[in-house]
Structures are given as structure tokens and as C-alpha cells.
Amino acid sequence: MADDNAWAFKLPVLSNIIALGLWLGFLVLSNAEFIWLLILGFVSLLMIDYGLHQAQIISHEYFKVRKYVTLIVVFALMVAVAQL
């Protein structure tokens, strides 16, 4: 049952905190600072997915793809911030 799973509470709370933090960052930070915040957000979401993977809520294949996509996105954001 989902209510017995700690992720049933943690996932909506963490994802909303990250989303609100990114939105606030968009409103108040410079471009470079916001890109660094995006990097932190993507890494945080990957850490959440790692927890979901460890709890066997998401599959190994999904998590593997998620790692590679996050790596590509973080690299692209680092290139973007280096060009500012």
C-alpha cells in the first residue's frame, strides 16, 4: 500500500520544494546563478530517483537512463554558464 511507503509522503514534498526553489531562483537570481541552481536541482532530482531506485519503486533501466540524461543536461548547463 502506498501509505506504508515513506516515499508516498517524501516525493510530493521534495519535488514541490525543488520546483518552488527553482521558480524563486528564476525570479531573483542572475542568469549564471540561476543556471547553477538548475544544476543543483537536476542533481537533487537524480538523488531522489536514486532513493526511489533503492526502494525498488523505479526500475534499474529507468534509473540508468535517468543518470545519463542528467549527466548530459548538467554538462550542457555547465557549458552554458561558462559562456556567460
Protein backbone atom coordinates (compact mmCIF):
# COMPACT_ATOMS: atom_id res chain seq x y z
CA MET A 1 0.00 0.00 0.00
CA ALA A 2 1.35 3.45 -0.91
CA ASP A 3 0.59 4.87 2.55
CA ASP A 4 3.06 2.43 4.10
CA ASN A 5 5.84 3.66 1.86
CA ALA A 6 7.92 6.59 3.13
CA TRP A 7 8.16 7.87 -0.46
CA ALA A 8 4.39 8.43 -0.55
CA PHE A 9 4.99 11.48 1.67
CA LYS A 10 8.55 12.42 0.74
CA LEU A 11 8.19 12.51 -3.04
CA PRO A 12 5.48 15.19 -3.34
CA VAL A 13 7.09 17.32 -0.63
CA LEU A 14 10.61 17.17 -2.06
CA SER A 15 9.54 17.68 -5.65
CA ASN A 16 7.45 20.73 -4.71
CA ILE A 17 10.25 22.23 -2.62
CA ILE A 18 12.64 21.85 -5.56
CA ALA A 19 10.11 23.31 -8.02
CA LEU A 20 9.35 26.30 -5.78
CA GLY A 21 13.05 26.89 -5.14
CA LEU A 22 13.76 26.92 -8.87
CA TRP A 23 10.86 29.27 -9.54
CA LEU A 24 12.03 31.68 -6.84
CA GLY A 25 15.56 31.43 -8.19
CA PHE A 26 14.29 32.30 -11.65
CA LEU A 27 12.68 35.42 -10.23
CA VAL A 28 15.60 36.74 -8.18
CA LEU A 29 18.91 35.33 -9.41
CA SER A 30 21.20 36.41 -12.22
CA ASN A 31 21.42 34.16 -15.28
CA ALA A 32 24.63 32.46 -14.13
CA GLU A 33 23.34 31.95 -10.58
CA PHE A 34 20.09 30.51 -11.90
CA ILE A 35 21.94 28.05 -14.15
CA TRP A 36 23.93 26.83 -11.13
CA LEU A 37 20.64 26.47 -9.26
CA LEU A 38 19.27 24.42 -12.17
CA ILE A 39 22.31 22.16 -11.96
CA LEU A 40 21.67 21.71 -8.24
CA GLY A 41 18.01 20.99 -8.99
CA PHE A 42 18.79 18.32 -11.57
CA VAL A 43 21.31 16.64 -9.26
CA SER A 44 18.77 16.76 -6.41
CA LEU A 45 16.15 15.12 -8.61
CA LEU A 46 18.66 12.44 -9.56
CA MET A 47 19.29 11.79 -5.86
CA ILE A 48 15.54 11.41 -5.33
CA ASP A 49 15.42 8.94 -8.21
CA TYR A 50 18.31 7.07 -6.61
CA GLY A 51 16.25 6.73 -3.44
CA LEU A 52 13.29 5.52 -5.48
CA HIS A 53 15.56 3.03 -7.22
CA GLN A 54 16.91 1.77 -3.89
CA ALA A 55 13.32 1.35 -2.67
CA GLN A 56 12.61 -0.58 -5.89
CA ILE A 57 9.90 1.86 -6.93
CA ILE A 58 11.56 2.62 -10.27
CA SER A 59 13.33 0.10 -12.45
CA HIS A 60 17.06 -0.23 -12.90
CA GLU A 61 16.70 0.52 -16.62
CA TYR A 62 14.83 3.77 -15.95
CA PHE A 63 17.39 4.89 -13.38
CA LYS A 64 20.25 4.07 -15.73
CA VAL A 65 18.74 6.26 -18.47
CA ARG A 66 17.97 8.97 -15.91
CA LYS A 67 21.65 9.07 -14.85
CA TYR A 68 22.86 9.53 -18.41
CA VAL A 69 20.27 12.17 -19.26
CA THR A 70 21.08 14.10 -16.08
CA LEU A 71 24.79 13.94 -16.89
CA ILE A 72 24.16 15.33 -20.38
CA VAL A 73 21.90 18.11 -19.09
CA VAL A 74 24.31 19.11 -16.31
CA PHE A 75 27.20 19.18 -18.78
CA ALA A 76 25.18 21.34 -21.19
CA LEU A 77 24.26 23.73 -18.39
CA MET A 78 27.92 23.99 -17.35
CA VAL A 79 28.87 24.84 -20.93
CA ALA A 80 26.10 27.45 -21.00
CA VAL A 81 27.20 29.08 -17.73
CA ALA A 82 30.83 29.12 -18.91
CA GLN A 83 29.77 31.14 -21.95
CA LEU A 84 28.04 33.90 -19.95
